[in-house]
Every structure is written in structure tokens, then in C-alpha cells.
PDB file of N, CA and C in Angstrom:
ATOM      1  N   UNK A   1      19.722 -51.127  59.115  1.00  0.00           N
ATOM      2  CA  UNK A   1      19.894 -52.431  58.523  1.00  0.00           C
ATOM      3  C   UNK A   1      18.559 -53.165  58.549  1.00  0.00           C
ATOM      4  N   UNK A   2      18.270 -53.835  57.488  1.00  0.00           N
ATOM      5  CA  UNK A   2      17.030 -54.609  57.440  1.00  0.00           C
ATOM      6  C   UNK A   2      17.332 -56.026  56.980  1.00  0.00           C
ATOM      7  N   UNK A   3      16.441 -56.921  57.340  1.00  0.00           N
ATOM      8  CA  UNK A   3      16.598 -58.325  56.985  1.00  0.00           C
ATOM      9  C   UNK A   3      15.373 -58.739  56.182  1.00  0.00           C
ATOM     10  N   UNK A   4      15.584 -59.397  55.075  1.00  0.00           N
ATOM     11  CA  UNK A   4      14.470 -59.863  54.262  1.00  0.00           C
ATOM     12  C   UNK A   4      14.307 -61.367  54.383  1.00  0.00           C
ATOM     13  N   UNK A   5      13.064 -61.788  54.352  1.00  0.00           N
ATOM     14  CA  UNK A   5      12.761 -63.206  54.433  1.00  0.00           C
ATOM     15  C   UNK A   5      11.740 -63.532  53.357  1.00  0.00           C
ATOM     16  N   UNK A   6      11.972 -64.612  52.645  1.00  0.00           N
ATOM     17  CA  UNK A   6      11.012 -65.031  51.638  1.00  0.00           C
ATOM     18  C   UNK A   6      10.343 -66.314  52.116  1.00  0.00           C
ATOM     19  N   UNK A   7       9.017 -66.288  52.102  1.00  0.00           N
ATOM     20  CA  UNK A   7       8.246 -67.441  52.533  1.00  0.00           C
ATOM     21  C   UNK A   7       7.375 -67.870  51.375  1.00  0.00           C
ATOM     22  N   UNK A   8       7.376 -69.163  51.109  1.00  0.00           N
ATOM     23  CA  UNK A   8       6.567 -69.686  50.025  1.00  0.00           C
ATOM     24  C   UNK A   8       5.452 -70.537  50.625  1.00  0.00           C
ATOM     25  N   UNK A   9       4.221 -70.121  50.376  1.00  0.00           N
ATOM     26  CA  UNK A   9       3.063 -70.849  50.885  1.00  0.00           C
ATOM     27  C   UNK A   9       2.123 -71.177  49.732  1.00  0.00           C
ATOM     28  N   UNK A  10       1.536 -72.340  49.810  1.00  0.00           N
ATOM     29  CA  UNK A  10       0.543 -72.714  48.816  1.00  0.00           C
ATOM     30  C   UNK A  10      -0.822 -72.224  49.283  1.00  0.00           C
ATOM     31  N   UNK A  11      -1.654 -71.814  48.351  1.00  0.00           N
ATOM     32  CA  UNK A  11      -2.997 -71.352  48.677  1.00  0.00           C
ATOM     33  C   UNK A  11      -3.760 -72.434  49.420  1.00  0.00           C
ATOM     34  N   UNK A  12      -3.570 -73.671  49.041  1.00  0.00           N
ATOM     35  CA  UNK A  12      -4.259 -74.781  49.696  1.00  0.00           C
ATOM     36  C   UNK A  12      -3.889 -74.878  51.170  1.00  0.00           C
ATOM     37  N   UNK A  13      -2.620 -74.613  51.497  1.00  0.00           N
ATOM     38  CA  UNK A  13      -2.171 -74.656  52.888  1.00  0.00           C
ATOM     39  C   UNK A  13      -2.798 -73.527  53.697  1.00  0.00           C
ATOM     40  N   UNK A  14      -2.891 -72.357  53.085  1.00  0.00           N
ATOM     41  CA  UNK A  14      -3.516 -71.214  53.765  1.00  0.00           C
ATOM     42  C   UNK A  14      -4.992 -71.509  54.004  1.00  0.00           C
ATOM     43  N   UNK A  15      -5.681 -72.014  52.976  1.00  0.00           N
ATOM     44  CA  UNK A  15      -7.104 -72.338  53.099  1.00  0.00           C
ATOM     45  C   UNK A  15      -7.328 -73.395  54.171  1.00  0.00           C
ATOM     46  N   UNK A  16      -6.470 -74.383  54.217  1.00  0.00           N
ATOM     47  CA  UNK A  16      -6.590 -75.442  55.226  1.00  0.00           C
ATOM     48  C   UNK A  16      -6.434 -74.861  56.626  1.00  0.00           C
ATOM     49  N   UNK A  17      -5.488 -73.957  56.795  1.00  0.00           N
ATOM     50  CA  UNK A  17      -5.279 -73.316  58.093  1.00  0.00           C
ATOM     51  C   UNK A  17      -6.483 -72.484  58.509  1.00  0.00           C
ATOM     52  N   UNK A  18      -7.074 -71.774  57.552  1.00  0.00           N
ATOM     53  CA  UNK A  18      -8.251 -70.952  57.849  1.00  0.00           C
ATOM     54  C   UNK A  18      -9.429 -71.834  58.238  1.00  0.00           C
ATOM     55  N   UNK A  19      -9.597 -72.948  57.554  1.00  0.00           N
ATOM     56  CA  UNK A  19     -10.699 -73.863  57.865  1.00  0.00           C
ATOM     57  C   UNK A  19     -10.597 -74.419  59.278  1.00  0.00           C
ATOM     58  N   UNK A  20      -9.386 -74.536  59.788  1.00  0.00           N
ATOM     59  CA  UNK A  20      -9.177 -75.087  61.122  1.00  0.00           C
ATOM     60  C   UNK A  20      -9.427 -74.072  62.235  1.00  0.00           C
ATOM     61  N   UNK A  21      -9.563 -72.784  61.894  1.00  0.00           N
ATOM     62  CA  UNK A  21      -9.799 -71.755  62.900  1.00  0.00           C
ATOM     63  C   UNK A  21     -11.204 -71.884  63.482  1.00  0.00           C
ATOM     64  N   UNK A  22     -11.335 -71.515  64.745  1.00  0.00           N
ATOM     65  CA  UNK A  22     -12.673 -71.493  65.327  1.00  0.00           C
ATOM     66  C   UNK A  22     -13.402 -70.239  64.837  1.00  0.00           C
ATOM     67  N   UNK A  23     -14.689 -70.163  65.105  1.00  0.00           N
ATOM     68  CA  UNK A  23     -15.519 -69.081  64.578  1.00  0.00           C
ATOM     69  C   UNK A  23     -14.995 -67.709  65.001  1.00  0.00           C
ATOM     70  N   UNK A  24     -14.623 -67.569  66.242  1.00  0.00           N
ATOM     71  CA  UNK A  24     -14.136 -66.285  66.760  1.00  0.00           C
ATOM     72  C   UNK A  24     -12.876 -65.842  66.018  1.00  0.00           C
ATOM     73  N   UNK A  25     -11.957 -66.775  65.803  1.00  0.00           N
ATOM     74  CA  UNK A  25     -10.713 -66.445  65.114  1.00  0.00           C
ATOM     75  C   UNK A  25     -10.951 -66.134  63.634  1.00  0.00           C
ATOM     76  N   UNK A  26     -11.908 -66.836  63.006  1.00  0.00           N
ATOM     77  CA  UNK A  26     -12.247 -66.529  61.610  1.00  0.00           C
ATOM     78  C   UNK A  26     -12.841 -65.131  61.489  1.00  0.00           C
ATOM     79  N   UNK A  27     -13.686 -64.757  62.442  1.00  0.00           N
ATOM     80  CA  UNK A  27     -14.265 -63.418  62.437  1.00  0.00           C
ATOM     81  C   UNK A  27     -13.185 -62.363  62.631  1.00  0.00           C
ATOM     82  N   UNK A  28     -12.231 -62.630  63.518  1.00  0.00           N
ATOM     83  CA  UNK A  28     -11.126 -61.695  63.743  1.00  0.00           C
ATOM     84  C   UNK A  28     -10.283 -61.557  62.482  1.00  0.00           C
ATOM     85  N   UNK A  29     -10.029 -62.663  61.804  1.00  0.00           N
ATOM     86  CA  UNK A  29      -9.270 -62.631  60.557  1.00  0.00           C
ATOM     87  C   UNK A  29     -10.004 -61.812  59.499  1.00  0.00           C
ATOM     88  N   UNK A  30     -11.310 -61.994  59.399  1.00  0.00           N
ATOM     89  CA  UNK A  30     -12.110 -61.240  58.445  1.00  0.00           C
ATOM     90  C   UNK A  30     -12.016 -59.743  58.715  1.00  0.00           C
ATOM     91  N   UNK A  31     -12.091 -59.362  59.978  1.00  0.00           N
ATOM     92  CA  UNK A  31     -11.980 -57.946  60.331  1.00  0.00           C
ATOM     93  C   UNK A  31     -10.619 -57.375  59.960  1.00  0.00           C
ATOM     94  N   UNK A  32      -9.574 -58.148  60.215  1.00  0.00           N
ATOM     95  CA  UNK A  32      -8.231 -57.687  59.871  1.00  0.00           C
ATOM     96  C   UNK A  32      -8.061 -57.527  58.361  1.00  0.00           C
ATOM     97  N   UNK A  33      -8.595 -58.472  57.616  1.00  0.00           N
ATOM     98  CA  UNK A  33      -8.459 -58.424  56.163  1.00  0.00           C
ATOM     99  C   UNK A  33      -9.338 -57.337  55.542  1.00  0.00           C
ATOM    100  N   UNK A  34     -10.439 -57.014  56.188  1.00  0.00           N
ATOM    101  CA  UNK A  34     -11.352 -56.015  55.645  1.00  0.00           C
ATOM    102  C   UNK A  34     -10.888 -54.590  55.937  1.00  0.00           C
ATOM    103  N   UNK A  35      -9.928 -54.438  56.806  1.00  0.00           N
ATOM    104  CA  UNK A  35      -9.456 -53.108  57.158  1.00  0.00           C
ATOM    105  C   UNK A  35     -10.196 -52.506  58.339  1.00  0.00           C
ATOM    106  N   UNK A  36     -11.225 -53.146  58.821  1.00  0.00           N
ATOM    107  CA  UNK A  36     -11.989 -52.638  59.950  1.00  0.00           C
ATOM    108  C   UNK A  36     -11.368 -53.064  61.287  1.00  0.00           C
ATOM    109  N   UNK A  37     -10.415 -53.936  61.243  1.00  0.00           N
ATOM    110  CA  UNK A  37      -9.808 -54.460  62.462  1.00  0.00           C
ATOM    111  C   UNK A  37      -9.171 -53.398  63.327  1.00  0.00           C
ATOM    112  N   UNK A  38      -8.500 -52.422  62.717  1.00  0.00           N
ATOM    113  CA  UNK A  38      -7.833 -51.371  63.491  1.00  0.00           C
ATOM    114  C   UNK A  38      -8.849 -50.531  64.254  1.00  0.00           C
ATOM    115  N   UNK A  39      -9.948 -50.195  63.598  1.00  0.00           N
ATOM    116  CA  UNK A  39     -10.987 -49.387  64.241  1.00  0.00           C
ATOM    117  C   UNK A  39     -11.617 -50.148  65.410  1.00  0.00           C
ATOM    118  N   UNK A  40     -11.909 -51.408  65.203  1.00  0.00           N
ATOM    119  CA  UNK A  40     -12.526 -52.216  66.262  1.00  0.00           C
ATOM    120  C   UNK A  40     -11.552 -52.411  67.417  1.00  0.00           C
ATOM    121  N   UNK A  41     -10.290 -52.634  67.104  1.00  0.00           N
ATOM    122  CA  UNK A  41      -9.271 -52.796  68.143  1.00  0.00           C
ATOM    123  C   UNK A  41      -9.163 -51.524  68.984  1.00  0.00           C
ATOM    124  N   UNK A  42      -9.221 -50.375  68.317  1.00  0.00           N
ATOM    125  CA  UNK A  42      -9.161 -49.087  69.014  1.00  0.00           C
ATOM    126  C   UNK A  42     -10.367 -48.923  69.933  1.00  0.00           C
ATOM    127  N   UNK A  43     -11.548 -49.257  69.444  1.00  0.00           N
ATOM    128  CA  UNK A  43     -12.762 -49.123  70.253  1.00  0.00           C
ATOM    129  C   UNK A  43     -12.744 -50.080  71.440  1.00  0.00           C
ATOM    130  N   UNK A  44     -12.261 -51.299  71.236  1.00  0.00           N
ATOM    131  CA  UNK A  44     -12.166 -52.265  72.333  1.00  0.00           C
ATOM    132  C   UNK A  44     -11.223 -51.756  73.417  1.00  0.00           C
ATOM    133  N   UNK A  45     -10.113 -51.160  73.005  1.00  0.00           N
ATOM    134  CA  UNK A  45      -9.159 -50.610  73.966  1.00  0.00           C
ATOM    135  C   UNK A  45      -9.801 -49.475  74.766  1.00  0.00           C
ATOM    136  N   UNK A  46     -10.612 -48.644  74.091  1.00  0.00           N
ATOM    137  CA  UNK A  46     -11.311 -47.561  74.787  1.00  0.00           C
ATOM    138  C   UNK A  46     -12.265 -48.110  75.842  1.00  0.00           C
ATOM    139  N   UNK A  47     -12.924 -49.204  75.533  1.00  0.00           N
ATOM    140  CA  UNK A  47     -13.846 -49.832  76.495  1.00  0.00           C
ATOM    141  C   UNK A  47     -13.056 -50.414  77.659  1.00  0.00           C
ATOM    142  N   UNK A  48     -11.970 -51.127  77.351  1.00  0.00           N
ATOM    143  CA  UNK A  48     -11.171 -51.779  78.390  1.00  0.00           C
ATOM    144  C   UNK A  48     -10.529 -50.770  79.339  1.00  0.00           C
ATOM    145  N   UNK A  49     -10.140 -49.611  78.830  1.00  0.00           N
ATOM    146  CA  UNK A  49      -9.492 -48.598  79.673  1.00  0.00           C
ATOM    147  C   UNK A  49     -10.492 -47.713  80.393  1.00  0.00           C
ATOM    148  N   UNK A  50     -11.783 -47.889  80.081  1.00  0.00           N
ATOM    149  CA  UNK A  50     -12.809 -47.096  80.743  1.00  0.00           C
ATOM    150  C   UNK A  50     -13.031 -45.733  80.115  1.00  0.00           C
ATOM    151  N   UNK A  51     -12.409 -45.493  78.992  1.00  0.00           N
ATOM    152  CA  UNK A  51     -12.568 -44.211  78.303  1.00  0.00           C
ATOM    153  C   UNK A  51     -14.012 -44.031  77.819  1.00  0.00           C
ATOM    154  N   UNK A  52     -14.633 -45.103  77.411  1.00  0.00           N
ATOM    155  CA  UNK A  52     -16.044 -45.078  77.017  1.00  0.00           C
ATOM    156  C   UNK A  52     -16.773 -46.191  77.758  1.00  0.00           C
ATOM    157  N   UNK A  53     -18.079 -46.029  77.918  1.00  0.00           N
ATOM    158  CA  UNK A  53     -18.888 -47.018  78.616  1.00  0.00           C
ATOM    159  C   UNK A  53     -19.876 -47.609  77.615  1.00  0.00           C
ATOM    160  N   UNK A  54     -19.990 -48.916  77.623  1.00  0.00           N
ATOM    161  CA  UNK A  54     -20.945 -49.564  76.722  1.00  0.00           C
ATOM    162  C   UNK A  54     -22.340 -49.514  77.347  1.00  0.00           C
ATOM    163  N   UNK A  55     -23.349 -49.585  76.493  1.00  0.00           N
ATOM    164  CA  UNK A  55     -24.725 -49.622  76.962  1.00  0.00           C
ATOM    165  C   UNK A  55     -25.082 -51.024  77.427  1.00  0.00           C
ATOM    166  N   UNK A  56     -25.930 -51.102  78.426  1.00  0.00           N
ATOM    167  CA  UNK A  56     -26.444 -52.400  78.845  1.00  0.00           C
ATOM    168  C   UNK A  56     -27.528 -52.823  77.851  1.00  0.00           C
ATOM    169  N   UNK A  57     -27.910 -54.073  77.887  1.00  0.00           N
ATOM    170  CA  UNK A  57     -28.981 -54.564  77.013  1.00  0.00           C
ATOM    171  C   UNK A  57     -30.269 -53.779  77.265  1.00  0.00           C
ATOM    172  N   UNK A  58     -30.542 -53.510  78.546  1.00  0.00           N
ATOM    173  CA  UNK A  58     -31.753 -52.773  78.909  1.00  0.00           C
ATOM    174  C   UNK A  58     -31.717 -51.355  78.329  1.00  0.00           C
ATOM    175  N   UNK A  59     -30.580 -50.689  78.461  1.00  0.00           N
ATOM    176  CA  UNK A  59     -30.445 -49.336  77.916  1.00  0.00           C
ATOM    177  C   UNK A  59     -30.593 -49.329  76.395  1.00  0.00           C
ATOM    178  N   UNK A  60     -30.021 -50.324  75.755  1.00  0.00           N
ATOM    179  CA  UNK A  60     -30.050 -50.406  74.303  1.00  0.00           C
ATOM    180  C   UNK A  60     -31.458 -50.650  73.765  1.00  0.00           C
ATOM    181  N   UNK A  61     -32.208 -51.504  74.451  1.00  0.00           N
ATOM    182  CA  UNK A  61     -33.531 -51.901  73.960  1.00  0.00           C
ATOM    183  C   UNK A  61     -34.679 -51.179  74.675  1.00  0.00           C
ATOM    184  N   UNK A  62     -34.368 -50.122  75.406  1.00  0.00           N
ATOM    185  CA  UNK A  62     -35.351 -49.419  76.199  1.00  0.00           C
ATOM    186  C   UNK A  62     -36.576 -48.980  75.385  1.00  0.00           C
ATOM    187  N   UNK A  63     -36.393 -48.358  74.247  1.00  0.00           N
ATOM    188  CA  UNK A  63     -37.513 -47.864  73.454  1.00  0.00           C
ATOM    189  C   UNK A  63     -38.097 -48.920  72.525  1.00  0.00           C
ATOM    190  N   UNK A  64     -37.427 -50.044  72.396  1.00  0.00           N
ATOM    191  CA  UNK A  64     -37.876 -51.083  71.477  1.00  0.00           C
ATOM    192  C   UNK A  64     -38.925 -51.971  72.122  1.00  0.00           C
ATOM    193  N   UNK A  65     -38.726 -52.311  73.376  1.00  0.00           N
ATOM    194  CA  UNK A  65     -39.616 -53.247  74.060  1.00  0.00           C
ATOM    195  C   UNK A  65     -40.746 -52.560  74.769  1.00  0.00           C
TER     196      UNK A  65
END
């Protein structure tokens, strides 16, 4: 059994809601809409669970500086 719901939103209301988001939330929304959100979410989970280790700033910039 499934239930259907119809929601009517005006573009102006959606735009207003997006404008009220902070920078971090707007970036997250952009990632979700671009399709890259799933990949980034997966990578973040790998970091949080310790499956992968991120580089330190020193390790990352070792050959640059």
C-alpha cells in the first residue's frame, strides 16, 4: 500500500527559503542537487568510521612549501 501526497509550492517561496540558509547549508544543498552529495556523504562516513585517514595540512603541503 502506498500513500500519495500533493504539495504545491511557489518558486518564490522556495527561493526565499534558500536565501535564508546559511552558507554551509547552501553548499550542502548544492551538493545534493548536483548529484555529488551521495559520494561526499559516503566519503565522510568512511572518515568518521576510521576506514580511511585524512591527510594533515603538513602532509598535504609537504612538497609545496
